[in-house]
N, C-alpha and C. Protein backbone atom coordinates (compact mmCIF):
# COMPACT_ATOMS: atom_id res chain seq x y z
N MET A 1 4.74 -3.09 22.62
CA MET A 1 3.64 -3.14 21.68
C MET A 1 2.33 -3.22 22.45
N THR A 2 1.29 -2.69 21.84
CA THR A 2 -0.01 -2.71 22.50
C THR A 2 -0.94 -3.66 21.77
N LEU A 3 -1.98 -4.04 22.46
CA LEU A 3 -2.99 -4.88 21.83
C LEU A 3 -3.76 -4.06 20.82
N GLY A 4 -4.10 -4.66 19.72
CA GLY A 4 -4.87 -3.98 18.70
C GLY A 4 -5.94 -4.91 18.17
N THR A 5 -6.81 -4.38 17.36
CA THR A 5 -7.83 -5.19 16.72
C THR A 5 -7.82 -4.93 15.23
N CYS A 6 -8.40 -5.82 14.49
CA CYS A 6 -8.43 -5.68 13.03
C CYS A 6 -9.66 -4.92 12.60
N LEU A 7 -9.78 -3.70 13.03
CA LEU A 7 -10.90 -2.85 12.66
C LEU A 7 -10.40 -1.80 11.68
N PHE A 8 -11.19 -1.52 10.67
CA PHE A 8 -10.82 -0.54 9.67
C PHE A 8 -11.86 0.56 9.65
N GLY A 9 -11.40 1.80 9.73
CA GLY A 9 -12.29 2.94 9.64
C GLY A 9 -12.37 3.41 8.21
N GLN A 10 -12.61 4.67 8.02
CA GLN A 10 -12.71 5.22 6.67
C GLN A 10 -11.37 5.17 5.97
N ASP A 11 -10.27 5.30 6.72
CA ASP A 11 -8.94 5.25 6.11
C ASP A 11 -8.44 3.81 6.15
N LYS A 12 -8.71 3.07 5.08
CA LYS A 12 -8.34 1.67 5.03
C LYS A 12 -6.85 1.49 4.76
N ALA A 13 -6.09 2.59 4.64
CA ALA A 13 -4.66 2.48 4.42
C ALA A 13 -3.92 2.16 5.71
N GLN A 14 -4.58 2.32 6.85
CA GLN A 14 -3.90 2.08 8.11
C GLN A 14 -3.79 0.59 8.40
N PRO A 15 -2.57 0.09 8.53
CA PRO A 15 -2.41 -1.31 8.90
C PRO A 15 -2.75 -1.51 10.36
N CYS A 16 -2.98 -2.72 10.73
CA CYS A 16 -3.24 -3.01 12.13
C CYS A 16 -2.59 -4.33 12.47
N SER A 17 -2.47 -4.58 13.73
CA SER A 17 -1.89 -5.84 14.18
C SER A 17 -2.57 -6.24 15.48
N LEU A 18 -2.45 -7.49 15.81
CA LEU A 18 -3.00 -7.96 17.06
C LEU A 18 -2.07 -9.00 17.63
N HIS A 19 -2.21 -9.25 18.90
CA HIS A 19 -1.40 -10.25 19.56
C HIS A 19 -2.32 -11.36 20.03
N SER A 20 -1.96 -12.57 19.69
CA SER A 20 -2.73 -13.70 20.18
C SER A 20 -2.32 -13.99 21.62
N GLU A 21 -2.94 -14.97 22.22
CA GLU A 21 -2.61 -15.31 23.60
C GLU A 21 -1.16 -15.71 23.76
N SER A 22 -0.52 -16.14 22.68
CA SER A 22 0.89 -16.56 22.76
C SER A 22 1.84 -15.36 22.69
N SER A 23 1.32 -14.14 22.65
CA SER A 23 2.11 -12.92 22.54
C SER A 23 2.88 -12.84 21.23
N ARG A 24 2.45 -13.59 20.23
CA ARG A 24 3.07 -13.57 18.91
C ARG A 24 2.36 -12.52 18.06
N LEU A 25 3.12 -11.77 17.27
CA LEU A 25 2.53 -10.75 16.39
C LEU A 25 1.79 -11.45 15.26
N VAL A 26 0.56 -11.03 15.02
CA VAL A 26 -0.24 -11.56 13.92
C VAL A 26 -0.76 -10.37 13.14
N CYS A 27 -0.45 -10.34 11.86
CA CYS A 27 -0.93 -9.24 11.02
C CYS A 27 -2.36 -9.50 10.58
N CYS A 28 -3.11 -8.43 10.44
CA CYS A 28 -4.48 -8.54 9.94
C CYS A 28 -4.45 -8.91 8.47
N SER A 29 -5.54 -9.44 8.00
CA SER A 29 -5.67 -9.85 6.60
C SER A 29 -5.31 -8.70 5.67
N GLY A 30 -4.47 -8.98 4.68
CA GLY A 30 -4.08 -7.97 3.71
C GLY A 30 -2.80 -7.23 4.05
N TRP A 31 -2.20 -7.52 5.21
CA TRP A 31 -0.99 -6.83 5.63
C TRP A 31 0.11 -7.83 5.95
N GLY A 32 1.35 -7.49 5.58
CA GLY A 32 2.50 -8.33 5.86
C GLY A 32 3.39 -7.68 6.90
N GLN A 33 4.13 -8.51 7.61
CA GLN A 33 4.99 -8.03 8.68
C GLN A 33 6.27 -7.43 8.14
N LEU A 34 6.67 -6.29 8.70
CA LEU A 34 7.93 -5.63 8.41
C LEU A 34 8.53 -5.27 9.76
N GLY A 35 9.55 -6.00 10.16
CA GLY A 35 10.10 -5.81 11.50
C GLY A 35 9.10 -6.29 12.53
N ASP A 36 8.77 -5.43 13.47
CA ASP A 36 7.79 -5.82 14.50
C ASP A 36 6.45 -5.10 14.31
N GLU A 37 6.17 -4.69 13.07
CA GLU A 37 4.90 -4.05 12.76
C GLU A 37 4.35 -4.62 11.45
N CYS A 38 3.08 -4.39 11.22
CA CYS A 38 2.41 -4.84 9.99
C CYS A 38 2.24 -3.64 9.07
N LEU A 39 3.26 -3.35 8.28
CA LEU A 39 3.27 -2.14 7.46
C LEU A 39 3.25 -2.40 5.97
N THR A 40 3.34 -3.66 5.55
CA THR A 40 3.43 -3.97 4.13
C THR A 40 2.09 -4.43 3.58
N PRO A 41 1.46 -3.63 2.69
CA PRO A 41 0.21 -4.07 2.10
C PRO A 41 0.47 -5.24 1.15
N LEU A 42 -0.46 -6.19 1.09
CA LEU A 42 -0.31 -7.36 0.23
C LEU A 42 -1.32 -7.32 -0.91
N CYS A 43 -0.84 -7.53 -2.12
CA CYS A 43 -1.67 -7.63 -3.31
C CYS A 43 -1.41 -9.01 -3.89
N GLU A 44 -2.35 -9.92 -3.71
CA GLU A 44 -2.14 -11.31 -4.07
C GLU A 44 -3.26 -11.85 -4.95
N GLY A 45 -3.02 -13.00 -5.53
CA GLY A 45 -4.03 -13.66 -6.36
C GLY A 45 -4.39 -12.82 -7.57
N ASN A 46 -5.68 -12.62 -7.79
CA ASN A 46 -6.14 -11.81 -8.91
C ASN A 46 -5.75 -10.34 -8.77
N PHE A 47 -5.29 -9.95 -7.60
CA PHE A 47 -4.93 -8.56 -7.33
C PHE A 47 -3.43 -8.33 -7.35
N THR A 48 -2.65 -9.30 -7.83
CA THR A 48 -1.20 -9.15 -7.89
C THR A 48 -0.84 -7.98 -8.80
N CYS A 49 0.06 -7.12 -8.34
CA CYS A 49 0.46 -5.95 -9.12
C CYS A 49 1.30 -6.37 -10.31
N LYS A 50 1.17 -5.61 -11.37
CA LYS A 50 1.94 -5.85 -12.58
C LYS A 50 3.33 -5.23 -12.44
N GLU A 51 4.17 -5.42 -13.45
CA GLU A 51 5.58 -5.01 -13.40
C GLU A 51 5.78 -3.55 -13.02
N ASN A 52 4.98 -2.65 -13.56
CA ASN A 52 5.16 -1.22 -13.31
C ASN A 52 4.15 -0.65 -12.33
N GLU A 53 3.68 -1.50 -11.42
CA GLU A 53 2.74 -1.09 -10.38
C GLU A 53 3.32 -1.38 -9.01
N VAL A 54 2.75 -0.74 -8.01
CA VAL A 54 3.16 -0.95 -6.64
C VAL A 54 1.90 -1.13 -5.79
N CYS A 55 1.97 -2.03 -4.82
CA CYS A 55 0.83 -2.28 -3.93
C CYS A 55 0.79 -1.17 -2.88
N VAL A 56 -0.31 -0.41 -2.83
CA VAL A 56 -0.42 0.72 -1.91
C VAL A 56 -1.35 0.45 -0.74
N ARG A 57 -2.28 -0.46 -0.91
CA ARG A 57 -3.22 -0.91 0.12
C ARG A 57 -3.52 -2.37 -0.19
N PRO A 58 -4.05 -3.11 0.75
CA PRO A 58 -4.36 -4.51 0.44
C PRO A 58 -5.18 -4.63 -0.85
N ASN A 59 -4.65 -5.38 -1.80
CA ASN A 59 -5.30 -5.65 -3.09
C ASN A 59 -5.58 -4.40 -3.91
N GLU A 60 -4.76 -3.37 -3.75
CA GLU A 60 -4.90 -2.14 -4.55
C GLU A 60 -3.53 -1.73 -5.09
N CYS A 61 -3.41 -1.78 -6.41
CA CYS A 61 -2.16 -1.42 -7.08
C CYS A 61 -2.28 -0.05 -7.71
N ARG A 62 -1.18 0.67 -7.77
CA ARG A 62 -1.11 1.95 -8.47
C ARG A 62 0.13 1.95 -9.34
N CYS A 63 0.11 2.79 -10.37
CA CYS A 63 1.27 2.90 -11.25
C CYS A 63 2.47 3.45 -10.48
N ARG A 64 3.64 2.92 -10.81
CA ARG A 64 4.88 3.47 -10.24
C ARG A 64 5.09 4.88 -10.77
N HIS A 65 5.92 5.65 -10.06
CA HIS A 65 6.23 7.02 -10.47
C HIS A 65 6.73 7.02 -11.92
N GLY A 66 6.19 7.88 -12.73
CA GLY A 66 6.59 7.98 -14.13
C GLY A 66 5.73 7.17 -15.08
N TYR A 67 4.83 6.35 -14.55
CA TYR A 67 3.94 5.54 -15.37
C TYR A 67 2.50 6.01 -15.16
N PHE A 68 1.65 5.79 -16.16
CA PHE A 68 0.24 6.13 -16.02
C PHE A 68 -0.58 5.14 -16.83
N GLY A 69 -1.85 5.06 -16.52
CA GLY A 69 -2.75 4.17 -17.25
C GLY A 69 -3.95 3.81 -16.41
N ALA A 70 -4.82 3.00 -17.00
CA ALA A 70 -6.02 2.56 -16.28
C ALA A 70 -5.62 1.67 -15.13
N SER A 71 -6.34 1.80 -14.02
CA SER A 71 -6.04 0.95 -12.87
C SER A 71 -7.03 -0.18 -12.73
């Protein structure tokens, strides 16, 4: 694994990770760990996804396939 920083460009869908001095994986805010990478977007608090929604980016929900409506 390489060192990374929690910088976001125009494509905010890209997760990032960083390593602290202890060489422990730390996910950037809004991302959860999946294996040894930070690939799971988190939608928490007021941004928790509803039953027929899926979290696609940190705090951003979209309708599951086959569903539609206001976001």
